[in-house]
Amino acid sequence: MIRLSHFNRMWEQEFEQTRSLLLGATEGWIGAVEHIGSTAVPDMVARPTVDALAGMSDLSGLNEAALLIEGLNFCRRPAPLWCEDELVAYLEKPRAGEATHSVLLVAREGKCWQTALDAREKLRTAPQLRDELETIKKANFVAGCQAQTQYDASKSAFFDSLCE
């Protein structure tokens, strides 16, 4: 079942701790870590999962970096559909069956990197876009959207139009 929460200022602290752990654990493979997703947008209703975008300048170490992140109690998952054209790794940290954190390993300055940062900035600076996404999320919640894939699919059209 999908849970939604009102914005929590602790999410930024959770992200900073995650960034520090990722940079320390990956032996230099990751050059930058950014906070993305709804928990990175102040005052937005969000699924309470702190999403990190980890940029690598050399993707030859993608599997090694992912293995090191697995050592931080993350598990590999299928990559998001919007990244299917790029070599990426996606990991989640589950707690009691739900993900509390996620990491998307991508090429720094690549298409996925730029798409995620552009979407975050648009949501931070355009209240009407933030309201539109919240409406989509709340409608899924009220309708009893049970599956993550169904929830993700309902947001895809929004993000496709946002990133055009």
N, C-alpha and C. Protein backbone atom coordinates (compact mmCIF):
# COMPACT_ATOMS: atom_id res chain seq x y z
N MET A 1 0.84 -1.19 0.00
CA MET A 1 0.00 0.00 0.00
C MET A 1 0.88 1.25 0.00
N ILE A 2 0.46 2.24 -0.72
CA ILE A 2 1.20 3.50 -0.81
C ILE A 2 0.83 4.39 0.38
N ARG A 3 1.86 4.90 1.07
CA ARG A 3 1.63 5.86 2.14
C ARG A 3 2.06 7.24 1.67
N LEU A 4 1.29 8.25 2.05
CA LEU A 4 1.66 9.64 1.79
C LEU A 4 1.78 10.36 3.11
N SER A 5 2.72 11.31 3.16
CA SER A 5 2.95 12.09 4.38
C SER A 5 3.05 13.56 4.02
N HIS A 6 2.68 14.39 4.98
CA HIS A 6 2.92 15.82 4.80
C HIS A 6 4.42 16.06 4.88
N PHE A 7 4.87 17.16 4.32
CA PHE A 7 6.30 17.47 4.29
C PHE A 7 6.89 17.40 5.70
N ASN A 8 8.07 16.79 5.80
CA ASN A 8 8.76 16.62 7.07
C ASN A 8 10.16 17.21 6.93
N ARG A 9 10.47 18.21 7.71
CA ARG A 9 11.78 18.87 7.62
C ARG A 9 12.94 17.90 7.93
N MET A 10 12.64 16.79 8.58
CA MET A 10 13.68 15.80 8.88
C MET A 10 14.19 15.10 7.62
N TRP A 11 13.40 15.14 6.55
CA TRP A 11 13.83 14.48 5.31
C TRP A 11 15.14 15.07 4.80
N GLU A 12 15.35 16.36 4.96
CA GLU A 12 16.61 16.97 4.51
C GLU A 12 17.77 16.43 5.34
N GLN A 13 17.58 16.29 6.64
CA GLN A 13 18.62 15.72 7.49
C GLN A 13 18.88 14.26 7.11
N GLU A 14 17.82 13.50 6.86
CA GLU A 14 17.97 12.11 6.42
C GLU A 14 18.77 12.05 5.12
N PHE A 15 18.48 12.98 4.21
CA PHE A 15 19.23 13.00 2.95
C PHE A 15 20.70 13.30 3.20
N GLU A 16 21.00 14.30 4.02
CA GLU A 16 22.40 14.67 4.28
C GLU A 16 23.17 13.50 4.87
N GLN A 17 22.55 12.74 5.76
CA GLN A 17 23.19 11.55 6.32
C GLN A 17 23.43 10.50 5.23
N THR A 18 22.44 10.33 4.35
CA THR A 18 22.56 9.38 3.25
C THR A 18 23.67 9.80 2.30
N ARG A 19 23.72 11.09 1.98
CA ARG A 19 24.78 11.60 1.09
C ARG A 19 26.15 11.27 1.69
N SER A 20 26.32 11.56 2.96
CA SER A 20 27.59 11.31 3.64
C SER A 20 27.96 9.83 3.60
N LEU A 21 27.00 8.97 3.88
CA LEU A 21 27.24 7.53 3.84
C LEU A 21 27.63 7.07 2.44
N LEU A 22 26.91 7.55 1.42
CA LEU A 22 27.20 7.14 0.05
C LEU A 22 28.59 7.59 -0.39
N LEU A 23 28.92 8.83 -0.13
CA LEU A 23 30.23 9.34 -0.53
C LEU A 23 31.35 8.60 0.20
N GLY A 24 31.13 8.29 1.47
CA GLY A 24 32.15 7.59 2.24
C GLY A 24 32.31 6.13 1.89
N ALA A 25 31.22 5.49 1.52
CA ALA A 25 31.25 4.04 1.30
C ALA A 25 31.65 3.63 -0.11
N THR A 26 31.55 4.51 -1.07
CA THR A 26 31.72 4.10 -2.46
C THR A 26 33.13 4.33 -3.02
N GLU A 27 34.07 4.61 -2.15
CA GLU A 27 35.49 4.64 -2.51
C GLU A 27 35.79 5.52 -3.72
N GLY A 28 35.13 6.66 -3.81
CA GLY A 28 35.41 7.61 -4.88
C GLY A 28 34.65 7.40 -6.17
N TRP A 29 33.86 6.35 -6.28
CA TRP A 29 33.10 6.11 -7.51
C TRP A 29 32.02 7.17 -7.73
N ILE A 30 31.44 7.68 -6.64
CA ILE A 30 30.40 8.70 -6.75
C ILE A 30 31.03 10.07 -6.53
N GLY A 31 30.72 10.99 -7.47
CA GLY A 31 31.29 12.34 -7.38
C GLY A 31 30.33 13.37 -6.81
N ALA A 32 29.04 13.10 -6.88
CA ALA A 32 28.04 14.06 -6.39
C ALA A 32 26.77 13.32 -6.03
N VAL A 33 26.07 13.81 -5.02
CA VAL A 33 24.80 13.22 -4.60
C VAL A 33 23.80 14.36 -4.42
N GLU A 34 22.64 14.23 -5.05
CA GLU A 34 21.58 15.24 -4.98
C GLU A 34 20.31 14.63 -4.40
N HIS A 35 19.55 15.45 -3.69
CA HIS A 35 18.26 15.05 -3.13
C HIS A 35 17.20 15.30 -4.20
N ILE A 36 16.47 14.25 -4.59
CA ILE A 36 15.43 14.37 -5.61
C ILE A 36 14.12 13.80 -5.07
N GLY A 37 13.11 13.81 -5.89
CA GLY A 37 11.82 13.26 -5.49
C GLY A 37 11.04 14.25 -4.65
N SER A 38 9.86 13.86 -4.26
CA SER A 38 8.96 14.76 -3.55
C SER A 38 9.46 15.15 -2.16
N THR A 39 10.29 14.31 -1.53
CA THR A 39 10.81 14.69 -0.21
C THR A 39 11.82 15.83 -0.32
N ALA A 40 12.25 16.15 -1.54
CA ALA A 40 13.18 17.26 -1.77
C ALA A 40 12.45 18.56 -2.09
N VAL A 41 11.13 18.53 -2.11
CA VAL A 41 10.33 19.71 -2.47
C VAL A 41 9.60 20.20 -1.22
N PRO A 42 10.01 21.35 -0.68
CA PRO A 42 9.38 21.85 0.54
C PRO A 42 7.86 21.97 0.42
N ASP A 43 7.19 21.57 1.49
CA ASP A 43 5.74 21.68 1.64
C ASP A 43 4.94 20.78 0.71
N MET A 44 5.55 19.78 0.13
CA MET A 44 4.84 18.87 -0.76
C MET A 44 4.50 17.56 -0.05
N VAL A 45 3.31 17.06 -0.30
CA VAL A 45 2.93 15.73 0.17
C VAL A 45 3.81 14.72 -0.58
N ALA A 46 4.31 13.74 0.15
CA ALA A 46 5.25 12.80 -0.47
C ALA A 46 5.09 11.40 0.10
N ARG A 47 5.47 10.44 -0.71
CA ARG A 47 5.68 9.09 -0.20
C ARG A 47 6.96 9.21 0.64
N PRO A 48 6.97 8.79 1.89
CA PRO A 48 8.12 9.07 2.76
C PRO A 48 9.35 8.22 2.48
N THR A 49 9.88 8.37 1.27
CA THR A 49 11.11 7.71 0.87
C THR A 49 12.09 8.79 0.44
N VAL A 50 13.23 8.88 1.08
CA VAL A 50 14.24 9.87 0.75
C VAL A 50 15.01 9.36 -0.47
N ASP A 51 14.87 10.08 -1.59
CA ASP A 51 15.47 9.67 -2.86
C ASP A 51 16.77 10.43 -3.10
N ALA A 52 17.83 9.69 -3.40
CA ALA A 52 19.13 10.29 -3.70
C ALA A 52 19.52 9.96 -5.14
N LEU A 53 20.05 10.95 -5.82
CA LEU A 53 20.59 10.80 -7.16
C LEU A 53 22.11 10.86 -7.03
N ALA A 54 22.78 9.77 -7.37
CA ALA A 54 24.23 9.68 -7.21
C ALA A 54 24.89 9.70 -8.58
N GLY A 55 25.70 10.71 -8.80
CA GLY A 55 26.35 10.88 -10.10
C GLY A 55 27.75 10.31 -10.14
N MET A 56 28.00 9.56 -11.20
CA MET A 56 29.31 8.95 -11.42
C MET A 56 29.90 9.49 -12.72
N SER A 57 31.17 9.83 -12.70
CA SER A 57 31.80 10.29 -13.94
C SER A 57 32.34 9.10 -14.75
N ASP A 58 32.49 7.96 -14.12
CA ASP A 58 33.00 6.76 -14.79
C ASP A 58 32.07 5.58 -14.49
N LEU A 59 31.21 5.25 -15.43
CA LEU A 59 30.24 4.18 -15.20
C LEU A 59 30.85 2.78 -15.25
N SER A 60 32.14 2.68 -15.53
CA SER A 60 32.77 1.35 -15.49
C SER A 60 32.74 0.78 -14.07
N GLY A 61 32.58 1.64 -13.09
CA GLY A 61 32.51 1.19 -11.70
C GLY A 61 31.09 1.08 -11.17
N LEU A 62 30.10 1.07 -12.07
CA LEU A 62 28.70 1.04 -11.65
C LEU A 62 28.39 -0.15 -10.76
N ASN A 63 28.76 -1.35 -11.18
CA ASN A 63 28.47 -2.54 -10.39
C ASN A 63 29.23 -2.53 -9.06
N GLU A 64 30.48 -2.09 -9.08
CA GLU A 64 31.25 -2.03 -7.84
C GLU A 64 30.63 -1.03 -6.87
N ALA A 65 30.23 0.14 -7.37
CA ALA A 65 29.59 1.13 -6.50
C ALA A 65 28.27 0.59 -5.95
N ALA A 66 27.50 -0.09 -6.79
CA ALA A 66 26.22 -0.66 -6.33
C ALA A 66 26.45 -1.71 -5.25
N LEU A 67 27.47 -2.53 -5.41
CA LEU A 67 27.79 -3.53 -4.38
C LEU A 67 28.17 -2.87 -3.05
N LEU A 68 28.93 -1.79 -3.13
CA LEU A 68 29.31 -1.08 -1.91
C LEU A 68 28.07 -0.47 -1.23
N ILE A 69 27.13 0.01 -2.02
CA ILE A 69 25.89 0.57 -1.47
C ILE A 69 25.03 -0.55 -0.87
N GLU A 70 25.04 -1.72 -1.49
CA GLU A 70 24.33 -2.86 -0.91
C GLU A 70 24.85 -3.15 0.50
N GLY A 71 26.12 -2.89 0.74
CA GLY A 71 26.70 -3.07 2.07
C GLY A 71 26.12 -2.12 3.12
N LEU A 72 25.40 -1.11 2.67
CA LEU A 72 24.71 -0.17 3.57
C LEU A 72 23.25 -0.58 3.77
N ASN A 73 22.96 -1.84 3.51
CA ASN A 73 21.60 -2.42 3.66
C ASN A 73 20.62 -1.95 2.59
N PHE A 74 21.12 -1.64 1.41
CA PHE A 74 20.27 -1.35 0.27
C PHE A 74 20.14 -2.61 -0.58
N CYS A 75 19.05 -2.72 -1.32
CA CYS A 75 18.81 -3.85 -2.22
C CYS A 75 18.58 -3.31 -3.63
N ARG A 76 19.12 -4.02 -4.61
CA ARG A 76 18.89 -3.61 -6.00
C ARG A 76 17.44 -3.86 -6.40
N ARG A 77 16.93 -2.94 -7.19
CA ARG A 77 15.58 -3.02 -7.73
C ARG A 77 15.64 -2.64 -9.20
N PRO A 78 14.59 -2.94 -9.97
CA PRO A 78 14.57 -2.51 -11.36
C PRO A 78 14.62 -0.98 -11.45
N ALA A 79 15.33 -0.49 -12.43
CA ALA A 79 15.48 0.96 -12.62
C ALA A 79 14.15 1.58 -13.03
N PRO A 80 13.93 2.84 -12.68
CA PRO A 80 12.71 3.53 -13.12
C PRO A 80 12.61 3.56 -14.65
N LEU A 81 11.40 3.54 -15.15
CA LEU A 81 11.19 3.52 -16.60
C LEU A 81 11.80 4.73 -17.29
N TRP A 82 11.80 5.88 -16.65
CA TRP A 82 12.33 7.09 -17.29
C TRP A 82 13.84 7.04 -17.47
N CYS A 83 14.49 6.02 -16.93
CA CYS A 83 15.94 5.84 -17.09
C CYS A 83 16.29 4.65 -17.96
N GLU A 84 15.30 4.07 -18.63
CA GLU A 84 15.55 2.82 -19.34
C GLU A 84 16.54 2.94 -20.50
N ASP A 85 16.81 4.14 -20.98
CA ASP A 85 17.74 4.31 -22.10
C ASP A 85 19.18 4.50 -21.65
N GLU A 86 19.43 4.48 -20.35
CA GLU A 86 20.77 4.70 -19.83
C GLU A 86 21.19 3.56 -18.92
N LEU A 87 22.48 3.39 -18.78
CA LEU A 87 23.03 2.43 -17.85
C LEU A 87 22.93 3.04 -16.45
N VAL A 88 22.12 2.44 -15.60
CA VAL A 88 21.91 2.94 -14.24
C VAL A 88 21.80 1.76 -13.28
N ALA A 89 21.87 2.05 -12.01
CA ALA A 89 21.56 1.07 -10.96
C ALA A 89 20.63 1.77 -9.98
N TYR A 90 19.61 1.04 -9.53
CA TYR A 90 18.64 1.59 -8.60
C TYR A 90 18.60 0.69 -7.37
N LEU A 91 18.71 1.29 -6.20
CA LEU A 91 18.72 0.54 -4.95
C LEU A 91 17.77 1.18 -3.95
N GLU A 92 17.17 0.34 -3.11
CA GLU A 92 16.28 0.83 -2.05
C GLU A 92 16.70 0.23 -0.72
N LYS A 93 16.45 0.99 0.34
CA LYS A 93 16.70 0.49 1.69
C LYS A 93 15.33 0.21 2.32
N PRO A 94 15.00 -1.07 2.46
CA PRO A 94 13.69 -1.40 3.04
C PRO A 94 13.74 -1.43 4.57
N ARG A 95 12.63 -1.06 5.15
CA ARG A 95 12.44 -1.22 6.60
C ARG A 95 10.99 -1.63 6.80
N ALA A 96 10.77 -2.77 7.40
CA ALA A 96 9.42 -3.30 7.62
C ALA A 96 8.65 -3.39 6.30
N GLY A 97 9.35 -3.78 5.23
CA GLY A 97 8.71 -3.99 3.95
C GLY A 97 8.61 -2.78 3.05
N GLU A 98 8.78 -1.57 3.59
CA GLU A 98 8.68 -0.36 2.78
C GLU A 98 10.05 0.28 2.64
N ALA A 99 10.29 0.88 1.48
CA ALA A 99 11.55 1.58 1.27
C ALA A 99 11.54 2.89 2.04
N THR A 100 12.63 3.15 2.77
CA THR A 100 12.78 4.42 3.47
C THR A 100 13.73 5.35 2.72
N HIS A 101 14.59 4.76 1.90
CA HIS A 101 15.57 5.52 1.12
C HIS A 101 15.75 4.82 -0.23
N SER A 102 16.11 5.61 -1.23
CA SER A 102 16.47 5.02 -2.52
C SER A 102 17.68 5.77 -3.08
N VAL A 103 18.43 5.07 -3.91
CA VAL A 103 19.60 5.65 -4.58
C VAL A 103 19.52 5.27 -6.05
N LEU A 104 19.64 6.27 -6.90
CA LEU A 104 19.71 6.05 -8.33
C LEU A 104 21.11 6.44 -8.78
N LEU A 105 21.90 5.44 -9.18
CA LEU A 105 23.27 5.66 -9.67
C LEU A 105 23.20 5.91 -11.17
N VAL A 106 23.71 7.07 -11.60
CA VAL A 106 23.64 7.46 -13.01
C VAL A 106 24.93 8.16 -13.42
N ALA A 107 25.05 8.40 -14.72
CA ALA A 107 26.17 9.19 -15.22
C ALA A 107 25.95 10.64 -14.83
N ARG A 108 26.93 11.20 -14.14
CA ARG A 108 26.81 12.61 -13.76
C ARG A 108 26.80 13.46 -15.03
N GLU A 109 25.83 14.32 -15.10
CA GLU A 109 25.59 15.19 -16.25
C GLU A 109 24.94 14.46 -17.42
N GLY A 110 24.56 13.20 -17.24
CA GLY A 110 23.85 12.46 -18.28
C GLY A 110 22.38 12.85 -18.32
N LYS A 111 21.62 12.21 -19.19
CA LYS A 111 20.20 12.54 -19.38
C LYS A 111 19.38 12.30 -18.10
N CYS A 112 19.56 11.16 -17.44
CA CYS A 112 18.81 10.89 -16.21
C CYS A 112 19.16 11.90 -15.12
N TRP A 113 20.43 12.21 -14.99
CA TRP A 113 20.89 13.21 -14.02
C TRP A 113 20.16 14.53 -14.26
N GLN A 114 20.21 15.00 -15.49
CA GLN A 114 19.63 16.30 -15.80
C GLN A 114 18.11 16.29 -15.68
N THR A 115 17.47 15.22 -16.13
CA THR A 115 16.01 15.11 -16.04
C THR A 115 15.53 15.19 -14.59
N ALA A 116 16.21 14.46 -13.70
CA ALA A 116 15.81 14.45 -12.29
C ALA A 116 16.00 15.83 -11.66
N LEU A 117 17.11 16.48 -11.96
CA LEU A 117 17.35 17.81 -11.37
C LEU A 117 16.41 18.86 -11.94
N ASP A 118 16.13 18.78 -13.24
CA ASP A 118 15.18 19.72 -13.85
C ASP A 118 13.79 19.57 -13.24
N ALA A 119 13.34 18.33 -13.06
CA ALA A 119 12.02 18.09 -12.47
C ALA A 119 11.97 18.64 -11.04
N ARG A 120 13.01 18.40 -10.27
CA ARG A 120 13.05 18.92 -8.90
C ARG A 120 12.95 20.45 -8.89
N GLU A 121 13.71 21.10 -9.74
CA GLU A 121 13.70 22.57 -9.75
C GLU A 121 12.35 23.13 -10.20
N LYS A 122 11.74 22.49 -11.18
CA LYS A 122 10.42 22.95 -11.63
C LYS A 122 9.40 22.82 -10.51
N LEU A 123 9.43 21.72 -9.77
CA LEU A 123 8.48 21.53 -8.68
C LEU A 123 8.75 22.49 -7.52
N ARG A 124 10.01 22.82 -7.30
CA ARG A 124 10.35 23.76 -6.22
C ARG A 124 9.94 25.19 -6.55
N THR A 125 9.96 25.53 -7.84
CA THR A 125 9.74 26.93 -8.22
C THR A 125 8.37 27.22 -8.81
N ALA A 126 7.59 26.21 -9.12
CA ALA A 126 6.27 26.41 -9.74
C ALA A 126 5.18 25.78 -8.88
N PRO A 127 4.55 26.58 -8.01
CA PRO A 127 3.53 26.02 -7.11
C PRO A 127 2.39 25.31 -7.84
N GLN A 128 2.02 25.78 -9.03
CA GLN A 128 0.92 25.13 -9.76
C GLN A 128 1.30 23.72 -10.19
N LEU A 129 2.55 23.48 -10.52
CA LEU A 129 3.01 22.14 -10.88
C LEU A 129 3.03 21.23 -9.64
N ARG A 130 3.51 21.78 -8.53
CA ARG A 130 3.52 21.02 -7.28
C ARG A 130 2.10 20.63 -6.89
N ASP A 131 1.15 21.58 -7.03
CA ASP A 131 -0.25 21.29 -6.69
C ASP A 131 -0.83 20.22 -7.61
N GLU A 132 -0.46 20.28 -8.89
CA GLU A 132 -0.97 19.28 -9.84
C GLU A 132 -0.47 17.88 -9.48
N LEU A 133 0.80 17.76 -9.12
CA LEU A 133 1.34 16.46 -8.74
C LEU A 133 0.70 15.97 -7.44
N GLU A 134 0.51 16.86 -6.49
CA GLU A 134 -0.15 16.46 -5.23
C GLU A 134 -1.56 15.95 -5.50
N THR A 135 -2.27 16.58 -6.42
CA THR A 135 -3.63 16.15 -6.77
C THR A 135 -3.60 14.73 -7.31
N ILE A 136 -2.64 14.43 -8.17
CA ILE A 136 -2.50 13.08 -8.72
C ILE A 136 -2.22 12.08 -7.61
N LYS A 137 -1.31 12.41 -6.72
CA LYS A 137 -0.96 11.51 -5.62
C LYS A 137 -2.15 11.25 -4.71
N LYS A 138 -2.83 12.32 -4.33
CA LYS A 138 -3.98 12.19 -3.42
C LYS A 138 -5.12 11.41 -4.07
N ALA A 139 -5.34 11.61 -5.37
CA ALA A 139 -6.40 10.87 -6.07
C ALA A 139 -6.10 9.38 -6.05
N ASN A 140 -4.84 9.00 -6.24
CA ASN A 140 -4.45 7.59 -6.16
C ASN A 140 -4.66 7.05 -4.76
N PHE A 141 -4.32 7.83 -3.78
CA PHE A 141 -4.47 7.41 -2.39
C PHE A 141 -5.95 7.19 -2.06
N VAL A 142 -6.80 8.14 -2.42
CA VAL A 142 -8.24 8.05 -2.15
C VAL A 142 -8.86 6.87 -2.90
N ALA A 143 -8.38 6.62 -4.13
CA ALA A 143 -8.92 5.52 -4.93
C ALA A 143 -8.43 4.16 -4.44
N GLY A 144 -7.55 4.18 -3.45
CA GLY A 144 -7.07 2.91 -2.90
C GLY A 144 -5.98 2.28 -3.74
N CYS A 145 -5.17 3.10 -4.39
CA CYS A 145 -4.06 2.60 -5.20
C CYS A 145 -3.15 1.76 -4.32
N GLN A 146 -3.12 0.47 -4.55
CA GLN A 146 -2.40 -0.46 -3.68
C GLN A 146 -0.98 -0.76 -4.15
N ALA A 147 -0.76 -0.79 -5.43
CA ALA A 147 0.52 -1.26 -5.94
C ALA A 147 1.43 -0.10 -6.33
N GLN A 148 2.71 -0.27 -6.05
CA GLN A 148 3.71 0.74 -6.40
C GLN A 148 3.71 0.99 -7.91
N THR A 149 3.61 -0.08 -8.71
CA THR A 149 3.64 0.10 -10.17
C THR A 149 2.45 0.93 -10.65
N GLN A 150 1.30 0.72 -10.05
CA GLN A 150 0.11 1.50 -10.43
C GLN A 150 0.30 2.97 -10.04
N TYR A 151 0.84 3.21 -8.86
CA TYR A 151 1.11 4.57 -8.38
C TYR A 151 2.12 5.26 -9.31
N ASP A 152 3.20 4.55 -9.64
CA ASP A 152 4.23 5.12 -10.52
C ASP A 152 3.66 5.43 -11.90
N ALA A 153 2.86 4.53 -12.43
CA ALA A 153 2.28 4.73 -13.77
C ALA A 153 1.40 5.97 -13.80
N SER A 154 0.68 6.22 -12.71
CA SER A 154 -0.22 7.38 -12.68
C SER A 154 0.55 8.69 -12.69
N LYS A 155 1.79 8.67 -12.23
CA LYS A 155 2.60 9.89 -12.23
C LYS A 155 3.41 10.06 -13.52
N SER A 156 3.55 9.01 -14.31
CA SER A 156 4.40 9.04 -15.50
C SER A 156 4.00 10.12 -16.49
N ALA A 157 2.72 10.23 -16.78
CA ALA A 157 2.27 11.24 -17.76
C ALA A 157 2.60 12.64 -17.27
N PHE A 158 2.42 12.87 -15.98
CA PHE A 158 2.76 14.18 -15.41
C PHE A 158 4.24 14.50 -15.65
N PHE A 159 5.12 13.56 -15.29
CA PHE A 159 6.54 13.81 -15.44
C PHE A 159 6.99 13.86 -16.89
N ASP A 160 6.32 13.09 -17.77
CA ASP A 160 6.64 13.17 -19.20
C ASP A 160 6.38 14.58 -19.71
N SER A 161 5.25 15.17 -19.33
CA SER A 161 4.94 16.53 -19.79
C SER A 161 5.83 17.56 -19.09
N LEU A 162 6.19 17.32 -17.86
CA LEU A 162 7.04 18.24 -17.11
C LEU A 162 8.43 18.35 -17.72
N CYS A 163 8.93 17.25 -18.23
CA CYS A 163 10.32 17.21 -18.72
C CYS A 163 10.44 17.43 -20.22
N GLU A 164 9.36 17.75 -20.89
CA GLU A 164 9.45 17.99 -22.34
C GLU A 164 10.06 19.34 -22.64
